Amino acid sequence: MDRHELGAREQAVLALERRGFASPGAKERAIREELDLAPVRYYQLLNALLDDERALAHDPVTVNRLRRVREARRSER
């Protein structure tokens, strides 16, 4: 794998973030069942991806949207 490209797990995390979920429970279930990750680990990976330029190149719309959400949450604190 080229070090300039995201791995399958990173791509799967971004793909899951692109989807809409009817409830938080549905998203948590998808994280566990489809990615075989604990939700806490999933969000750790996602947060790291938001700072990864490869993720931005792979899916700029999703990464920029999530960066805005993260920044808004930080400024609320």
N, C-alpha and C. Protein backbone atom coordinates (compact mmCIF):
# COMPACT_ATOMS: atom_id res chain seq x y z
N MET A 1 0.85 -1.19 0.00
CA MET A 1 0.00 0.00 0.00
C MET A 1 0.88 1.25 0.00
N ASP A 2 0.53 2.19 -0.79
CA ASP A 2 1.21 3.48 -0.87
C ASP A 2 0.98 4.25 0.42
N ARG A 3 2.03 4.83 0.96
CA ARG A 3 1.86 5.56 2.22
C ARG A 3 1.09 6.85 2.03
N HIS A 4 0.80 7.20 0.78
CA HIS A 4 0.03 8.40 0.49
C HIS A 4 -1.46 8.12 0.40
N GLU A 5 -1.83 6.86 0.56
CA GLU A 5 -3.24 6.48 0.47
C GLU A 5 -3.72 5.93 1.81
N LEU A 6 -5.00 6.09 2.06
CA LEU A 6 -5.59 5.56 3.28
C LEU A 6 -5.75 4.05 3.19
N GLY A 7 -5.66 3.40 4.32
CA GLY A 7 -5.90 1.96 4.38
C GLY A 7 -7.39 1.67 4.33
N ALA A 8 -7.72 0.40 4.21
CA ALA A 8 -9.12 0.00 4.11
C ALA A 8 -9.92 0.42 5.34
N ARG A 9 -9.35 0.29 6.53
CA ARG A 9 -10.08 0.65 7.74
C ARG A 9 -10.37 2.15 7.76
N GLU A 10 -9.38 2.97 7.42
CA GLU A 10 -9.60 4.42 7.40
C GLU A 10 -10.67 4.80 6.38
N GLN A 11 -10.62 4.16 5.22
CA GLN A 11 -11.64 4.44 4.20
C GLN A 11 -13.02 4.02 4.69
N ALA A 12 -13.10 2.90 5.42
CA ALA A 12 -14.38 2.42 5.94
C ALA A 12 -14.93 3.38 6.99
N VAL A 13 -14.05 3.95 7.81
CA VAL A 13 -14.49 4.93 8.82
C VAL A 13 -15.11 6.14 8.12
N LEU A 14 -14.43 6.66 7.10
CA LEU A 14 -14.97 7.82 6.38
C LEU A 14 -16.27 7.47 5.66
N ALA A 15 -16.35 6.28 5.10
CA ALA A 15 -17.58 5.86 4.42
C ALA A 15 -18.74 5.80 5.40
N LEU A 16 -18.48 5.30 6.60
CA LEU A 16 -19.55 5.23 7.60
C LEU A 16 -19.98 6.64 7.99
N GLU A 17 -19.04 7.56 8.09
CA GLU A 17 -19.39 8.94 8.44
C GLU A 17 -20.23 9.64 7.36
N ARG A 18 -20.10 9.19 6.13
CA ARG A 18 -20.89 9.80 5.03
C ARG A 18 -22.36 9.42 5.13
N ARG A 19 -22.64 8.31 5.79
CA ARG A 19 -24.01 7.81 5.86
C ARG A 19 -24.81 8.57 6.90
N GLY A 20 -26.11 8.61 6.69
CA GLY A 20 -27.00 9.19 7.70
C GLY A 20 -27.58 8.07 8.54
N PHE A 21 -27.74 8.33 9.82
CA PHE A 21 -28.31 7.31 10.71
C PHE A 21 -29.53 7.89 11.39
N ALA A 22 -30.57 7.06 11.51
CA ALA A 22 -31.82 7.50 12.11
C ALA A 22 -31.67 7.81 13.59
N SER A 23 -30.75 7.10 14.24
CA SER A 23 -30.55 7.31 15.68
C SER A 23 -29.10 7.05 16.03
N PRO A 24 -28.63 7.62 17.15
CA PRO A 24 -27.26 7.34 17.59
C PRO A 24 -27.04 5.85 17.79
N GLY A 25 -28.05 5.13 18.26
CA GLY A 25 -27.91 3.70 18.47
C GLY A 25 -27.62 2.94 17.19
N ALA A 26 -28.22 3.38 16.10
CA ALA A 26 -27.99 2.73 14.81
C ALA A 26 -26.54 2.91 14.37
N LYS A 27 -25.98 4.08 14.60
CA LYS A 27 -24.59 4.33 14.22
C LYS A 27 -23.65 3.49 15.08
N GLU A 28 -23.89 3.44 16.39
CA GLU A 28 -23.05 2.64 17.28
C GLU A 28 -23.08 1.17 16.86
N ARG A 29 -24.27 0.69 16.49
CA ARG A 29 -24.41 -0.71 16.06
C ARG A 29 -23.61 -0.95 14.78
N ALA A 30 -23.68 -0.01 13.83
CA ALA A 30 -22.93 -0.15 12.58
C ALA A 30 -21.42 -0.15 12.85
N ILE A 31 -20.98 0.68 13.78
CA ILE A 31 -19.55 0.73 14.13
C ILE A 31 -19.10 -0.64 14.64
N ARG A 32 -19.90 -1.22 15.53
CA ARG A 32 -19.54 -2.53 16.10
C ARG A 32 -19.63 -3.65 15.08
N GLU A 33 -20.74 -3.68 14.32
CA GLU A 33 -20.98 -4.81 13.41
C GLU A 33 -20.17 -4.73 12.14
N GLU A 34 -20.07 -3.56 11.54
CA GLU A 34 -19.41 -3.45 10.23
C GLU A 34 -17.90 -3.27 10.34
N LEU A 35 -17.46 -2.55 11.37
CA LEU A 35 -16.03 -2.27 11.50
C LEU A 35 -15.36 -3.08 12.61
N ASP A 36 -16.17 -3.77 13.40
CA ASP A 36 -15.66 -4.56 14.52
C ASP A 36 -14.79 -3.70 15.45
N LEU A 37 -15.30 -2.52 15.77
CA LEU A 37 -14.60 -1.59 16.65
C LEU A 37 -15.51 -1.19 17.80
N ALA A 38 -14.90 -0.91 18.94
CA ALA A 38 -15.65 -0.28 20.02
C ALA A 38 -15.87 1.18 19.60
N PRO A 39 -17.02 1.75 19.91
CA PRO A 39 -17.27 3.14 19.53
C PRO A 39 -16.19 4.11 20.00
N VAL A 40 -15.64 3.92 21.19
CA VAL A 40 -14.58 4.82 21.67
C VAL A 40 -13.38 4.77 20.73
N ARG A 41 -12.98 3.57 20.33
CA ARG A 41 -11.83 3.41 19.42
C ARG A 41 -12.16 4.02 18.05
N TYR A 42 -13.38 3.82 17.60
CA TYR A 42 -13.82 4.41 16.33
C TYR A 42 -13.64 5.92 16.34
N TYR A 43 -14.11 6.57 17.40
CA TYR A 43 -14.02 8.03 17.46
C TYR A 43 -12.58 8.51 17.61
N GLN A 44 -11.73 7.69 18.24
CA GLN A 44 -10.30 8.03 18.30
C GLN A 44 -9.71 8.00 16.89
N LEU A 45 -10.02 6.96 16.13
CA LEU A 45 -9.52 6.85 14.75
C LEU A 45 -10.05 7.99 13.90
N LEU A 46 -11.34 8.28 14.05
CA LEU A 46 -11.96 9.35 13.26
C LEU A 46 -11.29 10.69 13.55
N ASN A 47 -11.08 10.98 14.82
CA ASN A 47 -10.47 12.24 15.19
C ASN A 47 -9.06 12.37 14.60
N ALA A 48 -8.30 11.28 14.63
CA ALA A 48 -6.96 11.30 14.03
C ALA A 48 -7.06 11.51 12.51
N LEU A 49 -8.06 10.90 11.88
CA LEU A 49 -8.23 11.05 10.44
C LEU A 49 -8.51 12.50 10.05
N LEU A 50 -9.20 13.23 10.91
CA LEU A 50 -9.54 14.62 10.58
C LEU A 50 -8.30 15.49 10.47
N ASP A 51 -7.20 15.05 11.06
CA ASP A 51 -5.94 15.79 10.99
C ASP A 51 -4.99 15.20 9.94
N ASP A 52 -5.45 14.22 9.20
CA ASP A 52 -4.62 13.51 8.22
C ASP A 52 -4.90 14.06 6.82
N GLU A 53 -3.87 14.58 6.19
CA GLU A 53 -4.04 15.16 4.85
C GLU A 53 -4.49 14.12 3.82
N ARG A 54 -4.14 12.84 4.06
CA ARG A 54 -4.58 11.79 3.13
C ARG A 54 -6.09 11.65 3.18
N ALA A 55 -6.66 11.78 4.39
CA ALA A 55 -8.12 11.70 4.52
C ALA A 55 -8.78 12.87 3.81
N LEU A 56 -8.19 14.05 3.96
CA LEU A 56 -8.73 15.23 3.27
C LEU A 56 -8.71 15.03 1.76
N ALA A 57 -7.63 14.47 1.25
CA ALA A 57 -7.52 14.22 -0.20
C ALA A 57 -8.53 13.15 -0.65
N HIS A 58 -8.77 12.16 0.20
CA HIS A 58 -9.66 11.04 -0.14
C HIS A 58 -11.13 11.48 -0.15
N ASP A 59 -11.53 12.28 0.84
CA ASP A 59 -12.94 12.66 0.99
C ASP A 59 -13.04 14.06 1.58
N PRO A 60 -12.74 15.08 0.77
CA PRO A 60 -12.69 16.45 1.30
C PRO A 60 -14.03 16.94 1.87
N VAL A 61 -15.14 16.55 1.28
CA VAL A 61 -16.44 17.04 1.76
C VAL A 61 -16.70 16.54 3.18
N THR A 62 -16.54 15.25 3.39
CA THR A 62 -16.79 14.67 4.71
C THR A 62 -15.80 15.19 5.74
N VAL A 63 -14.52 15.21 5.40
CA VAL A 63 -13.49 15.65 6.36
C VAL A 63 -13.70 17.12 6.73
N ASN A 64 -13.97 17.96 5.76
CA ASN A 64 -14.18 19.38 6.08
C ASN A 64 -15.44 19.58 6.92
N ARG A 65 -16.50 18.83 6.63
CA ARG A 65 -17.72 18.93 7.44
C ARG A 65 -17.44 18.53 8.88
N LEU A 66 -16.73 17.42 9.06
CA LEU A 66 -16.44 16.95 10.41
C LEU A 66 -15.47 17.88 11.14
N ARG A 67 -14.55 18.48 10.41
CA ARG A 67 -13.65 19.46 11.04
C ARG A 67 -14.44 20.66 11.55
N ARG A 68 -15.43 21.11 10.77
CA ARG A 68 -16.26 22.24 11.22
C ARG A 68 -17.05 21.88 12.47
N VAL A 69 -17.61 20.67 12.48
CA VAL A 69 -18.37 20.21 13.65
C VAL A 69 -17.45 20.16 14.87
N ARG A 70 -16.27 19.60 14.70
CA ARG A 70 -15.32 19.49 15.81
C ARG A 70 -14.93 20.87 16.34
N GLU A 71 -14.67 21.78 15.43
CA GLU A 71 -14.27 23.13 15.83
C GLU A 71 -15.41 23.84 16.57
N ALA A 72 -16.63 23.65 16.10
CA ALA A 72 -17.78 24.26 16.77
C ALA A 72 -17.93 23.72 18.18
N ARG A 73 -17.72 22.43 18.36
CA ARG A 73 -17.82 21.82 19.69
C ARG A 73 -16.72 22.34 20.61
N ARG A 74 -15.53 22.50 20.06
CA ARG A 74 -14.43 23.02 20.87
C ARG A 74 -14.70 24.45 21.33
N SER A 75 -15.28 25.25 20.45
CA SER A 75 -15.50 26.65 20.81
C SER A 75 -16.67 26.79 21.78
N GLU A 76 -17.52 25.76 21.90
CA GLU A 76 -18.63 25.80 22.87
C GLU A 76 -18.13 25.57 24.29
N ARG A 77 -16.98 24.93 24.42
CA ARG A 77 -16.46 24.59 25.76
C ARG A 77 -15.90 25.79 26.47
